[in-house]
C-alpha atoms as a PDB file:
ATOM      1  CA  UNK A   1       0.000   0.000   0.000  1.00  0.00           C
ATOM      2  CA  UNK A   2       2.779   2.472   0.866  1.00  0.00           C
ATOM      3  CA  UNK A   3       4.465   1.843  -2.478  1.00  0.00           C
ATOM      4  CA  UNK A   4       1.134   2.449  -4.250  1.00  0.00           C
ATOM      5  CA  UNK A   5       0.539   5.659  -2.270  1.00  0.00           C
ATOM      6  CA  UNK A   6       4.006   6.973  -3.111  1.00  0.00           C
ATOM      7  CA  UNK A   7       3.445   6.217  -6.790  1.00  0.00           C
ATOM      8  CA  UNK A   8       0.066   7.980  -6.707  1.00  0.00           C
ATOM      9  CA  UNK A   9       1.643  11.050  -5.104  1.00  0.00           C
ATOM     10  CA  UNK A  10       4.207  11.077  -7.905  1.00  0.00           C
ATOM     11  CA  UNK A  11       1.351  10.887 -10.440  1.00  0.00           C
ATOM     12  CA  UNK A  12      -0.372  13.742  -8.608  1.00  0.00           C
ATOM     13  CA  UNK A  13       2.715  15.940  -8.905  1.00  0.00           C
ATOM     14  CA  UNK A  14       2.822  15.253 -12.625  1.00  0.00           C
ATOM     15  CA  UNK A  15      -0.864  16.105 -13.051  1.00  0.00           C
ATOM     16  CA  UNK A  16      -0.537  19.338 -11.089  1.00  0.00           C
ATOM     17  CA  UNK A  17       2.489  20.378 -13.132  1.00  0.00           C
ATOM     18  CA  UNK A  18       0.720  19.503 -16.390  1.00  0.00           C
ATOM     19  CA  UNK A  19      -2.430  21.423 -15.420  1.00  0.00           C
ATOM     20  CA  UNK A  20      -0.304  24.488 -14.588  1.00  0.00           C
ATOM     21  CA  UNK A  21      -1.827  24.988 -11.142  1.00  0.00           C
ATOM     22  CA  UNK A  22      -0.456  28.117  -9.465  1.00  0.00           C
ATOM     23  CA  UNK A  23       1.202  28.015  -6.054  1.00  0.00           C
ATOM     24  CA  UNK A  24      -1.422  30.341  -4.548  1.00  0.00           C
ATOM     25  CA  UNK A  25      -4.171  27.911  -5.605  1.00  0.00           C
ATOM     26  CA  UNK A  26      -2.831  24.874  -3.784  1.00  0.00           C
ATOM     27  CA  UNK A  27      -4.256  25.728  -0.371  1.00  0.00           C
ATOM     28  CA  UNK A  28      -7.798  26.237  -1.675  1.00  0.00           C
ATOM     29  CA  UNK A  29      -7.562  23.104  -3.849  1.00  0.00           C
ATOM     30  CA  UNK A  30      -6.139  20.940  -1.065  1.00  0.00           C
ATOM     31  CA  UNK A  31      -9.484  19.247  -0.128  1.00  0.00           C
ATOM     32  CA  UNK A  32     -10.186  18.245  -3.743  1.00  0.00           C
ATOM     33  CA  UNK A  33      -6.581  17.147  -4.304  1.00  0.00           C
ATOM     34  CA  UNK A  34      -6.572  14.887  -1.244  1.00  0.00           C
ATOM     35  CA  UNK A  35     -10.001  13.438  -1.952  1.00  0.00           C
ATOM     36  CA  UNK A  36      -9.098  12.636  -5.571  1.00  0.00           C
ATOM     37  CA  UNK A  37      -5.854  11.071  -4.372  1.00  0.00           C
ATOM     38  CA  UNK A  38      -7.702   8.991  -1.772  1.00  0.00           C
ATOM     39  CA  UNK A  39     -10.242   7.750  -4.307  1.00  0.00           C
ATOM     40  CA  UNK A  40      -7.460   6.778  -6.737  1.00  0.00           C
ATOM     41  CA  UNK A  41      -5.601   4.842  -4.007  1.00  0.00           C
ATOM     42  CA  UNK A  42      -8.757   3.025  -2.863  1.00  0.00           C
ATOM     43  CA  UNK A  43      -9.629   2.063  -6.436  1.00  0.00           C
ATOM     44  CA  UNK A  44      -6.152   0.793  -7.331  1.00  0.00           C
ATOM     45  CA  UNK A  45      -5.472  -0.948  -4.028  1.00  0.00           C
ATOM     46  CA  UNK A  46      -8.666  -3.038  -3.965  1.00  0.00           C
ATOM     47  CA  UNK A  47      -9.402  -3.122  -7.685  1.00  0.00           C
ATOM     48  CA  UNK A  48     -12.287  -1.260  -9.289  1.00  0.00           C
ATOM     49  CA  UNK A  49     -14.427  -4.398  -9.737  1.00  0.00           C
ATOM     50  CA  UNK A  50     -13.375  -6.280  -6.592  1.00  0.00           C
ATOM     51  CA  UNK A  51     -16.427  -7.902  -4.959  1.00  0.00           C
ATOM     52  CA  UNK A  52     -17.009  -9.846  -1.730  1.00  0.00           C
ATOM     53  CA  UNK A  53     -19.982 -11.956  -0.600  1.00  0.00           C
ATOM     54  CA  UNK A  54     -22.109 -10.124   1.952  1.00  0.00           C
ATOM     55  CA  UNK A  55     -25.611 -11.094   3.106  1.00  0.00           C
ATOM     56  CA  UNK A  56     -26.001 -13.458   0.159  1.00  0.00           C
ATOM     57  CA  UNK A  57     -24.985 -10.822  -2.398  1.00  0.00           C
ATOM     58  CA  UNK A  58     -21.819  -9.881  -4.255  1.00  0.00           C
ATOM     59  CA  UNK A  59     -20.923  -6.359  -3.072  1.00  0.00           C
ATOM     60  CA  UNK A  60     -18.454  -4.114  -4.886  1.00  0.00           C
ATOM     61  CA  UNK A  61     -15.952  -3.053  -2.243  1.00  0.00           C
ATOM     62  CA  UNK A  62     -14.716   0.160  -3.863  1.00  0.00           C
ATOM     63  CA  UNK A  63     -18.234   1.558  -4.400  1.00  0.00           C
ATOM     64  CA  UNK A  64     -19.070   0.996  -0.732  1.00  0.00           C
ATOM     65  CA  UNK A  65     -15.810   2.509   0.532  1.00  0.00           C
ATOM     66  CA  UNK A  66     -16.132   5.618  -1.632  1.00  0.00           C
ATOM     67  CA  UNK A  67     -19.490   6.380   0.003  1.00  0.00           C
ATOM     68  CA  UNK A  68     -17.502   7.431   3.101  1.00  0.00           C
ATOM     69  CA  UNK A  69     -15.664  10.199   1.235  1.00  0.00           C
ATOM     70  CA  UNK A  70     -17.174  13.030   3.300  1.00  0.00           C
ATOM     71  CA  UNK A  71     -16.500  11.254   6.602  1.00  0.00           C
ATOM     72  CA  UNK A  72     -12.917  10.480   5.630  1.00  0.00           C
ATOM     73  CA  UNK A  73     -12.407  14.055   4.432  1.00  0.00           C
ATOM     74  CA  UNK A  74     -13.412  15.502   7.805  1.00  0.00           C
ATOM     75  CA  UNK A  75     -11.885  12.845  10.065  1.00  0.00           C
ATOM     76  CA  UNK A  76      -8.494  12.363   8.374  1.00  0.00           C
ATOM     77  CA  UNK A  77      -7.725  14.119   5.102  1.00  0.00           C
ATOM     78  CA  UNK A  78      -8.297  17.747   6.049  1.00  0.00           C
ATOM     79  CA  UNK A  79      -6.192  17.287   9.191  1.00  0.00           C
ATOM     80  CA  UNK A  80      -3.024  16.215   7.346  1.00  0.00           C
ATOM     81  CA  UNK A  81      -0.541  19.065   7.964  1.00  0.00           C
ATOM     82  CA  UNK A  82       1.938  20.551   5.544  1.00  0.00           C
ATOM     83  CA  UNK A  83       0.473  19.173   2.305  1.00  0.00           C
ATOM     84  CA  UNK A  84       0.233  22.560   0.555  1.00  0.00           C
ATOM     85  CA  UNK A  85       3.700  23.595   1.732  1.00  0.00           C
ATOM     86  CA  UNK A  86       5.206  20.311   0.553  1.00  0.00           C
ATOM     87  CA  UNK A  87       3.524  20.591  -2.861  1.00  0.00           C
ATOM     88  CA  UNK A  88       4.800  24.162  -3.271  1.00  0.00           C
ATOM     89  CA  UNK A  89       8.263  22.989  -2.281  1.00  0.00           C
ATOM     90  CA  UNK A  90       8.269  20.116  -4.782  1.00  0.00           C
ATOM     91  CA  UNK A  91       6.498  21.838  -7.668  1.00  0.00           C
ATOM     92  CA  UNK A  92       7.684  25.436  -7.427  1.00  0.00           C
ATOM     93  CA  UNK A  93      10.923  25.091  -5.422  1.00  0.00           C
ATOM     94  CA  UNK A  94       9.420  27.261  -2.693  1.00  0.00           C
ATOM     95  CA  UNK A  95      11.400  27.323   0.599  1.00  0.00           C
ATOM     96  CA  UNK A  96      10.025  25.371   3.538  1.00  0.00           C
ATOM     97  CA  UNK A  97       9.296  27.234   6.767  1.00  0.00           C
ATOM     98  CA  UNK A  98      10.850  25.483   9.752  1.00  0.00           C
ATOM     99  CA  UNK A  99      10.574  27.080  13.202  1.00  0.00           C
ATOM    100  CA  UNK A 100       9.818  30.490  11.619  1.00  0.00           C
ATOM    101  CA  UNK A 101      12.881  30.286   9.331  1.00  0.00           C
ATOM    102  CA  UNK A 102      12.871  29.625   5.566  1.00  0.00           C
ATOM    103  CA  UNK A 103      15.041  26.859   4.083  1.00  0.00           C
ATOM    104  CA  UNK A 104      15.682  26.575   0.353  1.00  0.00           C
ATOM    105  CA  UNK A 105      15.252  23.310  -1.576  1.00  0.00           C
ATOM    106  CA  UNK A 106      18.277  21.064  -1.175  1.00  0.00           C
ATOM    107  CA  UNK A 107      19.104  22.382   2.278  1.00  0.00           C
ATOM    108  CA  UNK A 108      19.527  19.482   4.753  1.00  0.00           C
ATOM    109  CA  UNK A 109      16.897  20.987   7.067  1.00  0.00           C
ATOM    110  CA  UNK A 110      14.458  21.326   4.173  1.00  0.00           C
ATOM    111  CA  UNK A 111      15.129  17.750   3.038  1.00  0.00           C
ATOM    112  CA  UNK A 112      14.553  16.387   6.544  1.00  0.00           C
ATOM    113  CA  UNK A 113      11.306  18.330   6.970  1.00  0.00           C
ATOM    114  CA  UNK A 114      10.046  17.326   3.516  1.00  0.00           C
ATOM    115  CA  UNK A 115      10.756  13.703   4.403  1.00  0.00           C
ATOM    116  CA  UNK A 116       8.714  13.715   7.618  1.00  0.00           C
ATOM    117  CA  UNK A 117       5.841  15.599   5.936  1.00  0.00           C
ATOM    118  CA  UNK A 118       5.771  13.053   3.105  1.00  0.00           C
ATOM    119  CA  UNK A 119       5.923  10.056   5.448  1.00  0.00           C
ATOM    120  CA  UNK A 120       3.104  11.411   7.595  1.00  0.00           C
ATOM    121  CA  UNK A 121       1.051  12.102   4.455  1.00  0.00           C
ATOM    122  CA  UNK A 122       1.545   8.511   3.262  1.00  0.00           C
ATOM    123  CA  UNK A 123       0.659   6.969   6.622  1.00  0.00           C
ATOM    124  CA  UNK A 124      -2.462   9.092   7.010  1.00  0.00           C
ATOM    125  CA  UNK A 125      -3.597   8.164   3.478  1.00  0.00           C
ATOM    126  CA  UNK A 126      -3.149   4.493   4.405  1.00  0.00           C
ATOM    127  CA  UNK A 127      -5.266   5.053   7.522  1.00  0.00           C
ATOM    128  CA  UNK A 128      -7.907   6.710   5.347  1.00  0.00           C
ATOM    129  CA  UNK A 129      -8.010   3.608   3.129  1.00  0.00           C
ATOM    130  CA  UNK A 130      -8.299   1.074   5.965  1.00  0.00           C
ATOM    131  CA  UNK A 131     -10.766   2.891   8.230  1.00  0.00           C
ATOM    132  CA  UNK A 132     -13.816   2.502   5.931  1.00  0.00           C
ATOM    133  CA  UNK A 133     -12.795  -1.104   5.259  1.00  0.00           C
ATOM    134  CA  UNK A 134     -13.048  -1.801   9.003  1.00  0.00           C
ATOM    135  CA  UNK A 135     -16.365   0.027   9.195  1.00  0.00           C
ATOM    136  CA  UNK A 136     -18.058  -1.935   6.398  1.00  0.00           C
ATOM    137  CA  UNK A 137     -16.247  -5.266   5.990  1.00  0.00           C
ATOM    138  CA  UNK A 138     -14.615  -5.930   9.359  1.00  0.00           C
ATOM    139  CA  UNK A 139     -15.823  -9.547   9.683  1.00  0.00           C
ATOM    140  CA  UNK A 140     -16.024 -10.623   6.042  1.00  0.00           C
ATOM    141  CA  UNK A 141     -13.898 -13.758   5.899  1.00  0.00           C
ATOM    142  CA  UNK A 142     -12.240 -13.094   2.536  1.00  0.00           C
ATOM    143  CA  UNK A 143     -11.292  -9.576   3.708  1.00  0.00           C
ATOM    144  CA  UNK A 144      -9.811 -10.954   6.932  1.00  0.00           C
ATOM    145  CA  UNK A 145      -7.765 -13.598   5.142  1.00  0.00           C
ATOM    146  CA  UNK A 146      -6.483 -11.101   2.557  1.00  0.00           C
ATOM    147  CA  UNK A 147      -5.781  -7.926   4.520  1.00  0.00           C
ATOM    148  CA  UNK A 148      -5.557  -8.721   8.251  1.00  0.00           C
ATOM    149  CA  UNK A 149      -2.687  -9.828  10.414  1.00  0.00           C
ATOM    150  CA  UNK A 150      -3.174 -13.413  11.584  1.00  0.00           C
ATOM    151  CA  UNK A 151      -3.385 -12.195  15.187  1.00  0.00           C
ATOM    152  CA  UNK A 152      -6.593 -10.306  14.306  1.00  0.00           C
ATOM    153  CA  UNK A 153      -8.644 -13.018  12.633  1.00  0.00           C
ATOM    154  CA  UNK A 154     -11.091 -13.809  15.439  1.00  0.00           C
ATOM    155  CA  UNK A 155     -14.227 -11.720  15.826  1.00  0.00           C
ATOM    156  CA  UNK A 156     -13.266 -10.870  19.401  1.00  0.00           C
ATOM    157  CA  UNK A 157      -9.814  -9.573  18.404  1.00  0.00           C
ATOM    158  CA  UNK A 158     -11.255  -7.543  15.537  1.00  0.00           C
ATOM    159  CA  UNK A 159     -13.911  -5.938  17.717  1.00  0.00           C
ATOM    160  CA  UNK A 160     -11.343  -5.195  20.415  1.00  0.00           C
ATOM    161  CA  UNK A 161      -9.104  -3.597  17.798  1.00  0.00           C
ATOM    162  CA  UNK A 162     -11.990  -1.519  16.397  1.00  0.00           C
ATOM    163  CA  UNK A 163     -12.989  -0.375  19.892  1.00  0.00           C
ATOM    164  CA  UNK A 164      -9.398   0.574  20.719  1.00  0.00           C
ATOM    165  CA  UNK A 165      -9.132   2.458  17.433  1.00  0.00           C
ATOM    166  CA  UNK A 166     -12.426   4.250  18.012  1.00  0.00           C
ATOM    167  CA  UNK A 167     -11.369   5.243  21.522  1.00  0.00           C
ATOM    168  CA  UNK A 168      -8.024   6.523  20.215  1.00  0.00           C
ATOM    169  CA  UNK A 169      -9.733   8.678  17.586  1.00  0.00           C
ATOM    170  CA  UNK A 170     -12.039  10.150  20.248  1.00  0.00           C
ATOM    171  CA  UNK A 171      -9.062  10.817  22.503  1.00  0.00           C
ATOM    172  CA  UNK A 172      -7.239  12.485  19.614  1.00  0.00           C
ATOM    173  CA  UNK A 173     -10.216  14.684  18.775  1.00  0.00           C
ATOM    174  CA  UNK A 174     -11.175  15.705  22.298  1.00  0.00           C
ATOM    175  CA  UNK A 175      -7.840  15.885  24.127  1.00  0.00           C
ATOM    176  CA  UNK A 176      -4.656  15.502  22.102  1.00  0.00           C
ATOM    177  CA  UNK A 177      -5.619  17.689  19.141  1.00  0.00           C
ATOM    178  CA  UNK A 178      -6.671  20.751  21.206  1.00  0.00           C
ATOM    179  CA  UNK A 179      -3.582  20.277  23.373  1.00  0.00           C
ATOM    180  CA  UNK A 180      -1.361  20.265  20.279  1.00  0.00           C
ATOM    181  CA  UNK A 181      -3.118  23.364  18.928  1.00  0.00           C
ATOM    182  CA  UNK A 182      -2.625  25.167  22.248  1.00  0.00           C
ATOM    183  CA  UNK A 183       1.044  24.122  22.324  1.00  0.00           C
ATOM    184  CA  UNK A 184       1.568  25.234  18.674  1.00  0.00           C
ATOM    185  CA  UNK A 185       2.687  21.898  17.292  1.00  0.00           C
ATOM    186  CA  UNK A 186       1.680  19.077  14.945  1.00  0.00           C
ATOM    187  CA  UNK A 187       2.024  15.414  15.804  1.00  0.00           C
ATOM    188  CA  UNK A 188       3.344  13.504  12.778  1.00  0.00           C
ATOM    189  CA  UNK A 189       3.593   9.769  12.124  1.00  0.00           C
ATOM    190  CA  UNK A 190       6.898   8.747  10.540  1.00  0.00           C
ATOM    191  CA  UNK A 191       8.730   5.544   9.667  1.00  0.00           C
ATOM    192  CA  UNK A 192      11.515   4.243  11.886  1.00  0.00           C
ATOM    193  CA  UNK A 193      13.597   1.094  12.150  1.00  0.00           C
ATOM    194  CA  UNK A 194      11.155  -0.200  14.782  1.00  0.00           C
ATOM    195  CA  UNK A 195       7.975   0.651  12.877  1.00  0.00           C
ATOM    196  CA  UNK A 196       5.866   3.811  12.970  1.00  0.00           C
ATOM    197  CA  UNK A 197       6.567   6.444  15.627  1.00  0.00           C
ATOM    198  CA  UNK A 198       5.345   9.913  16.543  1.00  0.00           C
ATOM    199  CA  UNK A 199       7.308  13.123  16.167  1.00  0.00           C
ATOM    200  CA  UNK A 200       6.276  16.736  16.803  1.00  0.00           C
ATOM    201  CA  UNK A 201       7.011  19.858  14.771  1.00  0.00           C
ATOM    202  CA  UNK A 202       6.359  23.511  15.623  1.00  0.00           C
ATOM    203  CA  UNK A 203       3.510  25.247  13.769  1.00  0.00           C
ATOM    204  CA  UNK A 204       1.560  28.468  14.189  1.00  0.00           C
ATOM    205  CA  UNK A 205      -2.026  27.391  14.985  1.00  0.00           C
ATOM    206  CA  UNK A 206      -3.611  30.525  16.427  1.00  0.00           C
ATOM    207  CA  UNK A 207      -6.485  30.566  13.915  1.00  0.00           C
ATOM    208  CA  UNK A 208      -7.340  26.962  14.742  1.00  0.00           C
ATOM    209  CA  UNK A 209      -7.290  27.838  18.433  1.00  0.00           C
ATOM    210  CA  UNK A 210      -9.797  30.635  17.844  1.00  0.00           C
ATOM    211  CA  UNK A 211     -12.126  28.226  16.037  1.00  0.00           C
ATOM    212  CA  UNK A 212     -12.236  25.631  18.823  1.00  0.00           C
ATOM    213  CA  UNK A 213     -15.490  25.204  20.699  1.00  0.00           C
ATOM    214  CA  UNK A 214     -17.155  22.776  23.076  1.00  0.00           C
ATOM    215  CA  UNK A 215     -14.998  20.222  24.884  1.00  0.00           C
ATOM    216  CA  UNK A 216     -11.795  20.956  22.873  1.00  0.00           C
ATOM    217  CA  UNK A 217     -12.097  24.636  23.802  1.00  0.00           C
ATOM    218  CA  UNK A 218     -12.674  23.704  27.452  1.00  0.00           C
ATOM    219  CA  UNK A 219      -9.506  21.578  27.349  1.00  0.00           C
ATOM    220  CA  UNK A 220      -7.407  24.559  26.250  1.00  0.00           C
ATOM    221  CA  UNK A 221      -8.971  26.763  28.953  1.00  0.00           C
ATOM    222  CA  UNK A 222      -8.205  24.091  31.549  1.00  0.00           C
ATOM    223  CA  UNK A 223      -4.594  23.953  30.355  1.00  0.00           C
ATOM    224  CA  UNK A 224      -4.342  27.743  30.530  1.00  0.00           C
ATOM    225  CA  UNK A 225      -5.813  27.751  34.054  1.00  0.00           C
ATOM    226  CA  UNK A 226      -3.417  25.024  35.129  1.00  0.00           C
ATOM    227  CA  UNK A 227      -0.462  26.997  33.747  1.00  0.00           C
ATOM    228  CA  UNK A 228      -1.660  30.081  35.639  1.00  0.00           C
ATOM    229  CA  UNK A 229      -2.412  28.373  38.949  1.00  0.00           C
ATOM    230  CA  UNK A 230       0.123  25.555  39.173  1.00  0.00           C
ATOM    231  CA  UNK A 231       3.295  27.684  39.654  1.00  0.00           C
ATOM    232  CA  UNK A 232       1.625  29.793  42.378  1.00  0.00           C
ATOM    233  CA  UNK A 233       0.218  26.689  44.042  1.00  0.00           C
ATOM    234  CA  UNK A 234       3.643  25.054  43.981  1.00  0.00           C
ATOM    235  CA  UNK A 235       5.130  28.198  45.516  1.00  0.00           C
ATOM    236  CA  UNK A 236       2.508  28.188  48.289  1.00  0.00           C
ATOM    237  CA  UNK A 237       3.009  24.485  48.971  1.00  0.00           C
ATOM    238  CA  UNK A 238       6.772  24.974  48.988  1.00  0.00           C
ATOM    239  CA  UNK A 239       6.486  27.948  51.382  1.00  0.00           C
ATOM    240  CA  UNK A 240       4.119  26.080  53.710  1.00  0.00           C
ATOM    241  CA  UNK A 241       6.338  23.008  53.555  1.00  0.00           C
ATOM    242  CA  UNK A 242       9.429  25.019  54.440  1.00  0.00           C
ATOM    243  CA  UNK A 243       7.482  26.648  57.281  1.00  0.00           C
ATOM    244  CA  UNK A 244       6.405  23.255  58.638  1.00  0.00           C
ATOM    245  CA  UNK A 245       9.967  21.978  58.446  1.00  0.00           C
ATOM    246  CA  UNK A 246      11.216  25.100  60.256  1.00  0.00           C
ATOM    247  CA  UNK A 247       8.601  24.694  63.029  1.00  0.00           C
ATOM    248  CA  UNK A 248       9.358  21.010  63.435  1.00  0.00           C
ATOM    249  CA  UNK A 249      13.122  21.411  63.517  1.00  0.00           C
ATOM    250  CA  UNK A 250      13.740  24.818  65.043  1.00  0.00           C
ATOM    251  CA  UNK A 251      10.838  25.201  67.484  1.00  0.00           C
ATOM    252  CA  UNK A 252       9.422  21.822  68.390  1.00  0.00           C
ATOM    253  CA  UNK A 253      12.729  20.043  67.869  1.00  0.00           C
ATOM    254  CA  UNK A 254      14.609  22.429  70.162  1.00  0.00           C
ATOM    255  CA  UNK A 255      11.790  22.263  72.703  1.00  0.00           C
ATOM    256  CA  UNK A 256      11.957  18.505  72.747  1.00  0.00           C
ATOM    257  CA  UNK A 257      15.710  18.763  73.059  1.00  0.00           C
ATOM    258  CA  UNK A 258      15.443  21.055  76.096  1.00  0.00           C
ATOM    259  CA  UNK A 259      12.865  18.782  77.723  1.00  0.00           C
ATOM    260  CA  UNK A 260      15.110  15.810  77.089  1.00  0.00           C
ATOM    261  CA  UNK A 261      18.063  17.612  78.620  1.00  0.00           C
ATOM    262  CA  UNK A 262      15.936  18.525  81.657  1.00  0.00           C
ATOM    263  CA  UNK A 263      14.795  14.930  82.100  1.00  0.00           C
ATOM    264  CA  UNK A 264      18.339  13.619  81.837  1.00  0.00           C
ATOM    265  CA  UNK A 265      19.588  16.255  84.278  1.00  0.00           C
ATOM    266  CA  UNK A 266      16.826  15.373  86.755  1.00  0.00           C
ATOM    267  CA  UNK A 267      17.647  11.687  86.463  1.00  0.00           C
ATOM    268  CA  UNK A 268      21.283  12.541  87.100  1.00  0.00           C
ATOM    269  CA  UNK A 269      20.383  14.491  90.262  1.00  0.00           C
ATOM    270  CA  UNK A 270      18.260  11.600  91.515  1.00  0.00           C
ATOM    271  CA  UNK A 271      21.156   9.225  90.912  1.00  0.00           C
ATOM    272  CA  UNK A 272      23.489  11.473  92.839  1.00  0.00           C
ATOM    273  CA  UNK A 273      21.014  11.723  95.765  1.00  0.00           C
ATOM    274  CA  UNK A 274      20.576   7.915  95.873  1.00  0.00           C
ATOM    275  CA  UNK A 275      24.358   7.475  96.033  1.00  0.00           C
END
């Protein structure tokens, strides 16, 4: 799938260059570009006329999956960061902005950033292909035997995996995404020698912060309140703690020491009297 996605991105670059799309148009055309790319990947990966038996009928897989285009657009495609910047960089040799600095094509920093943006784009496109498959054909035997890891063949394992995935998406939407927006960063998925890992890059996301509402907005307000209160609360706790330590050591401790000395002195006097 990753090889197919990379090839489709190469085809996309050729089509954009041939159609003479301007750099300023890429941002506004991004939704259509990503949706067309997704549809092409789905069609080529499964095969346009690929069918599976379902409820006594032969169902065309691609037609069913493409019905989720609007859901996939909102849930995954429109959230892929850096697509327009990467296309400008590859098509028009535009510099890449990294931590508020511009890096020309060929610069090692620009190459490294382009690599992580491309890898994240590929992985997110793969997620966008597999999510509707799980939604519509999760327990179809021919789908399981063809596309699933052998550890996920039982109905129980599949449902557990789907529930875990659904919970992760909710957690991303309600907690991690607003936190990343508030912290001005993007979480990217990249390839590593041990599989797929997360990495974060800095990004200006003030406009997205202003558009948050509901629970995501409440999360950012809670983070802001914690940042405002926590240092003062730590200072108060530290001051009170130091005060308690001072009272215990300097006041009560010395008092106990004096009492102990008095007791020992009295016991010494009694011993002398008995002698």
